[in-house]
C-alpha atoms as a PDB file:
ATOM      1  CA  MET A   1      17.747 -47.333-260.773  1.00  0.00           C
ATOM      2  CA  GLY A   2      19.136 -50.177-258.701  1.00  0.00           C
ATOM      3  CA  ARG A   3      21.138 -49.768-255.577  1.00  0.00           C
ATOM      4  CA  SER A   4      24.795 -50.559-255.772  1.00  0.00           C
ATOM      5  CA  VAL A   5      26.070 -53.001-253.200  1.00  0.00           C
ATOM      6  CA  PRO A   6      29.470 -52.155-251.741  1.00  0.00           C
ATOM      7  CA  SER A   7      31.974 -54.816-252.620  1.00  0.00           C
ATOM      8  CA  GLU A   8      33.811 -56.575-249.835  1.00  0.00           C
ATOM      9  CA  ARG A   9      37.551 -56.522-250.134  1.00  0.00           C
ATOM     10  CA  PRO A  10      39.386 -59.761-249.366  1.00  0.00           C
ATOM     11  CA  GLY A  11      41.211 -58.129-246.443  1.00  0.00           C
ATOM     12  CA  GLY A  12      38.008 -56.923-244.820  1.00  0.00           C
ATOM     13  CA  THR A  13      37.121 -53.437-243.711  1.00  0.00           C
ATOM     14  CA  GLU A  14      40.105 -51.245-242.940  1.00  0.00           C
ATOM     15  CA  MET A  15      40.481 -48.236-240.699  1.00  0.00           C
ATOM     16  CA  PHE A  16      43.761 -46.332-240.513  1.00  0.00           C
ATOM     17  CA  GLY A  17      45.443 -49.205-242.343  1.00  0.00           C
ATOM     18  CA  TYR A  18      44.329 -51.864-239.861  1.00  0.00           C
ATOM     19  CA  THR A  19      41.677 -54.501-240.379  1.00  0.00           C
ATOM     20  CA  GLU A  20      38.749 -54.882-238.031  1.00  0.00           C
ATOM     21  CA  GLU A  21      40.235 -58.106-236.691  1.00  0.00           C
ATOM     22  CA  GLN A  22      43.555 -56.406-235.858  1.00  0.00           C
ATOM     23  CA  ILE A  23      41.798 -53.555-234.057  1.00  0.00           C
ATOM     24  CA  ALA A  24      39.662 -55.987-232.054  1.00  0.00           C
ATOM     25  CA  GLN A  25      42.714 -58.069-231.085  1.00  0.00           C
ATOM     26  CA  PHE A  26      44.584 -54.945-229.992  1.00  0.00           C
ATOM     27  CA  GLY A  27      41.625 -53.801-227.914  1.00  0.00           C
ATOM     28  CA  LEU A  28      41.226 -57.175-226.255  1.00  0.00           C
ATOM     29  CA  THR A  29      44.922 -57.516-225.516  1.00  0.00           C
ATOM     30  CA  PHE A  30      45.855 -54.047-224.305  1.00  0.00           C
ATOM     31  CA  GLY A  31      42.431 -52.620-223.470  1.00  0.00           C
ATOM     32  CA  VAL A  32      41.470 -55.419-221.084  1.00  0.00           C
ATOM     33  CA  GLY A  33      44.981 -55.405-219.594  1.00  0.00           C
ATOM     34  CA  ALA A  34      44.792 -51.663-218.954  1.00  0.00           C
ATOM     35  CA  PHE A  35      41.330 -52.076-217.442  1.00  0.00           C
ATOM     36  CA  MET A  36      42.642 -54.789-215.111  1.00  0.00           C
ATOM     37  CA  LEU A  37      45.526 -52.554-213.973  1.00  0.00           C
ATOM     38  CA  TYR A  38      43.011 -49.771-213.323  1.00  0.00           C
ATOM     39  CA  MET A  39      40.953 -52.154-211.188  1.00  0.00           C
ATOM     40  CA  VAL A  40      44.077 -53.010-209.156  1.00  0.00           C
ATOM     41  CA  PHE A  41      44.626 -49.279-208.646  1.00  0.00           C
ATOM     42  CA  ILE A  42      41.021 -48.886-207.465  1.00  0.00           C
ATOM     43  CA  ILE A  43      41.438 -51.730-204.944  1.00  0.00           C
ATOM     44  CA  TRP A  44      44.678 -50.185-203.656  1.00  0.00           C
ATOM     45  CA  GLN A  45      43.070 -46.761-203.358  1.00  0.00           C
ATOM     46  CA  LEU A  46      40.093 -48.264-201.513  1.00  0.00           C
ATOM     47  CA  ALA A  47      42.437 -49.954-199.048  1.00  0.00           C
ATOM     48  CA  ARG A  48      44.419 -46.764-198.537  1.00  0.00           C
ATOM     49  CA  GLU A  49      41.424 -44.468-198.023  1.00  0.00           C
ATOM     50  CA  SER A  50      39.726 -46.886-195.631  1.00  0.00           C
ATOM     51  CA  LYS A  51      42.967 -47.253-193.608  1.00  0.00           C
ATOM     52  CA  ALA A  52      42.609 -51.008-193.832  1.00  0.00           C
ATOM     53  CA  GLY A  53      46.130 -51.853-192.671  1.00  0.00           C
ATOM     54  CA  ARG A  54      48.225 -54.689-194.030  1.00  0.00           C
ATOM     55  CA  PHE A  55      45.811 -57.497-193.281  1.00  0.00           C
ATOM     56  CA  GLY A  56      42.797 -55.531-194.524  1.00  0.00           C
ATOM     57  CA  THR A  57      44.616 -54.647-197.734  1.00  0.00           C
ATOM     58  CA  PHE A  58      45.513 -58.308-198.189  1.00  0.00           C
ATOM     59  CA  VAL A  59      41.882 -59.325-197.703  1.00  0.00           C
ATOM     60  CA  LEU A  60      40.686 -56.677-200.182  1.00  0.00           C
ATOM     61  CA  PHE A  61      43.161 -57.792-202.812  1.00  0.00           C
ATOM     62  CA  LEU A  62      42.358 -61.433-202.153  1.00  0.00           C
ATOM     63  CA  ALA A  63      38.590 -61.000-202.375  1.00  0.00           C
ATOM     64  CA  LEU A  64      38.343 -58.378-205.124  1.00  0.00           C
ATOM     65  CA  GLY A  65      41.385 -59.473-207.098  1.00  0.00           C
ATOM     66  CA  PHE A  66      40.327 -63.114-207.213  1.00  0.00           C
ATOM     67  CA  GLY A  67      38.082 -62.439-210.221  1.00  0.00           C
ATOM     68  CA  LEU A  68      40.992 -60.851-212.088  1.00  0.00           C
ATOM     69  CA  LEU A  69      43.121 -63.889-211.371  1.00  0.00           C
ATOM     70  CA  GLY A  70      40.387 -66.170-212.694  1.00  0.00           C
ATOM     71  CA  TYR A  71      40.206 -64.181-215.915  1.00  0.00           C
ATOM     72  CA  VAL A  72      43.979 -64.407-216.404  1.00  0.00           C
ATOM     73  CA  ASP A  73      43.912 -68.134-215.642  1.00  0.00           C
ATOM     74  CA  LYS A  74      41.205 -68.623-218.264  1.00  0.00           C
ATOM     75  CA  GLY A  75      43.434 -67.020-220.894  1.00  0.00           C
ATOM     76  CA  VAL A  76      46.416 -69.166-219.908  1.00  0.00           C
ATOM     77  CA  ILE A  77      44.343 -72.356-220.009  1.00  0.00           C
ATOM     78  CA  LYS A  78      42.931 -71.450-223.426  1.00  0.00           C
ATOM     79  CA  PHE A  79      46.466 -70.770-224.682  1.00  0.00           C
ATOM     80  CA  PHE A  80      47.753 -74.171-223.590  1.00  0.00           C
ATOM     81  CA  LEU A  81      44.709 -76.059-224.845  1.00  0.00           C
ATOM     82  CA  ALA A  82      44.930 -74.389-228.252  1.00  0.00           C
ATOM     83  CA  GLY A  83      48.618 -75.321-228.513  1.00  0.00           C
ATOM     84  CA  THR A  84      48.021 -79.051-228.124  1.00  0.00           C
END
Protein backbone atom coordinates (compact mmCIF):
# COMPACT_ATOMS: atom_id res chain seq x y z
CA MET A 1 0.00 0.00 0.00
CA GLY A 2 1.27 3.45 -0.90
CA ARG A 3 1.32 6.38 1.41
CA SER A 4 -1.15 9.12 0.74
CA VAL A 5 0.31 12.59 0.47
CA PRO A 6 -1.75 15.32 2.11
CA SER A 7 -2.96 17.77 -0.47
CA GLU A 8 -2.08 21.42 -0.07
CA ARG A 9 -5.01 23.76 -0.14
CA PRO A 10 -4.60 26.96 -2.16
CA GLY A 11 -5.04 29.09 0.98
CA GLY A 12 -2.32 27.26 2.88
CA THR A 13 -2.51 25.65 6.27
CA GLU A 14 -5.20 27.09 8.52
CA MET A 15 -5.51 27.19 12.28
CA PHE A 16 -8.61 28.63 13.94
CA GLY A 17 -9.64 30.09 10.58
CA TYR A 18 -6.38 31.98 10.04
CA THR A 19 -3.62 31.13 7.61
CA GLU A 20 -0.05 30.64 8.73
CA GLU A 21 0.91 33.92 7.08
CA GLN A 22 -1.78 35.85 8.99
CA ILE A 23 -0.70 34.34 12.31
CA ALA A 24 2.95 35.16 11.62
CA GLN A 25 2.09 38.75 10.66
CA PHE A 26 0.02 39.18 13.82
CA GLY A 27 2.83 37.80 15.96
CA LEU A 28 5.42 40.05 14.35
CA THR A 29 3.24 43.14 14.62
CA PHE A 30 1.77 42.83 18.10
CA GLY A 31 4.14 40.31 19.67
CA VAL A 32 7.29 42.32 18.96
CA GLY A 33 5.51 45.53 19.97
CA ALA A 34 4.44 44.01 23.29
CA PHE A 35 7.97 42.71 23.85
CA MET A 36 9.38 46.19 23.21
CA LEU A 37 6.95 47.74 25.72
CA TYR A 38 8.00 45.09 28.25
CA MET A 39 11.64 46.02 27.69
CA VAL A 40 10.80 49.69 28.35
CA PHE A 41 9.12 48.60 31.59
CA ILE A 42 12.24 46.64 32.57
CA ILE A 43 14.47 49.68 31.94
CA TRP A 44 12.15 51.88 34.01
CA GLN A 45 12.07 49.35 36.84
CA LEU A 46 15.87 49.08 36.76
CA ALA A 47 16.17 52.85 37.03
CA ARG A 48 13.67 52.99 39.88
CA GLU A 49 15.20 50.17 41.93
CA SER A 50 18.73 51.50 41.51
CA LYS A 51 17.59 55.02 42.55
CA ALA A 52 19.29 56.41 39.48
CA GLY A 53 17.68 59.85 39.61
CA ARG A 54 16.59 61.84 36.59
CA PHE A 55 19.93 61.94 34.82
CA GLY A 56 20.66 58.27 35.52
CA THR A 57 17.23 57.28 34.23
CA PHE A 58 17.84 59.35 31.11
CA VAL A 59 21.19 57.63 30.55
CA LEU A 60 19.63 54.18 31.05
CA PHE A 61 16.86 54.90 28.58
CA LEU A 62 19.32 56.43 26.14
CA ALA A 63 21.78 53.55 26.26
CA LEU A 64 19.40 50.60 26.59
CA GLY A 65 16.56 52.06 24.55
CA PHE A 66 18.78 52.98 21.62
CA GLY A 67 18.53 49.45 20.22
CA LEU A 68 14.73 49.62 20.35
CA LEU A 69 14.82 52.90 18.47
CA GLY A 70 17.05 51.36 15.81
CA TYR A 71 14.63 48.49 15.34
CA VAL A 72 11.69 50.88 14.93
CA ASP A 73 13.70 53.01 12.50
CA LYS A 74 14.47 49.92 10.43
CA GLY A 75 10.76 49.20 10.07
CA VAL A 76 9.99 52.79 9.07
CA ILE A 77 12.78 52.82 6.48
CA LYS A 78 11.60 49.51 5.02
CA PHE A 79 8.05 50.88 4.83
CA PHE A 80 9.10 53.96 2.89
CA LEU A 81 11.44 52.07 0.57
CA ALA A 82 8.75 49.52 -0.25
CA GLY A 83 6.29 52.31 -1.07
CA THR A 84 8.49 53.87 -3.75
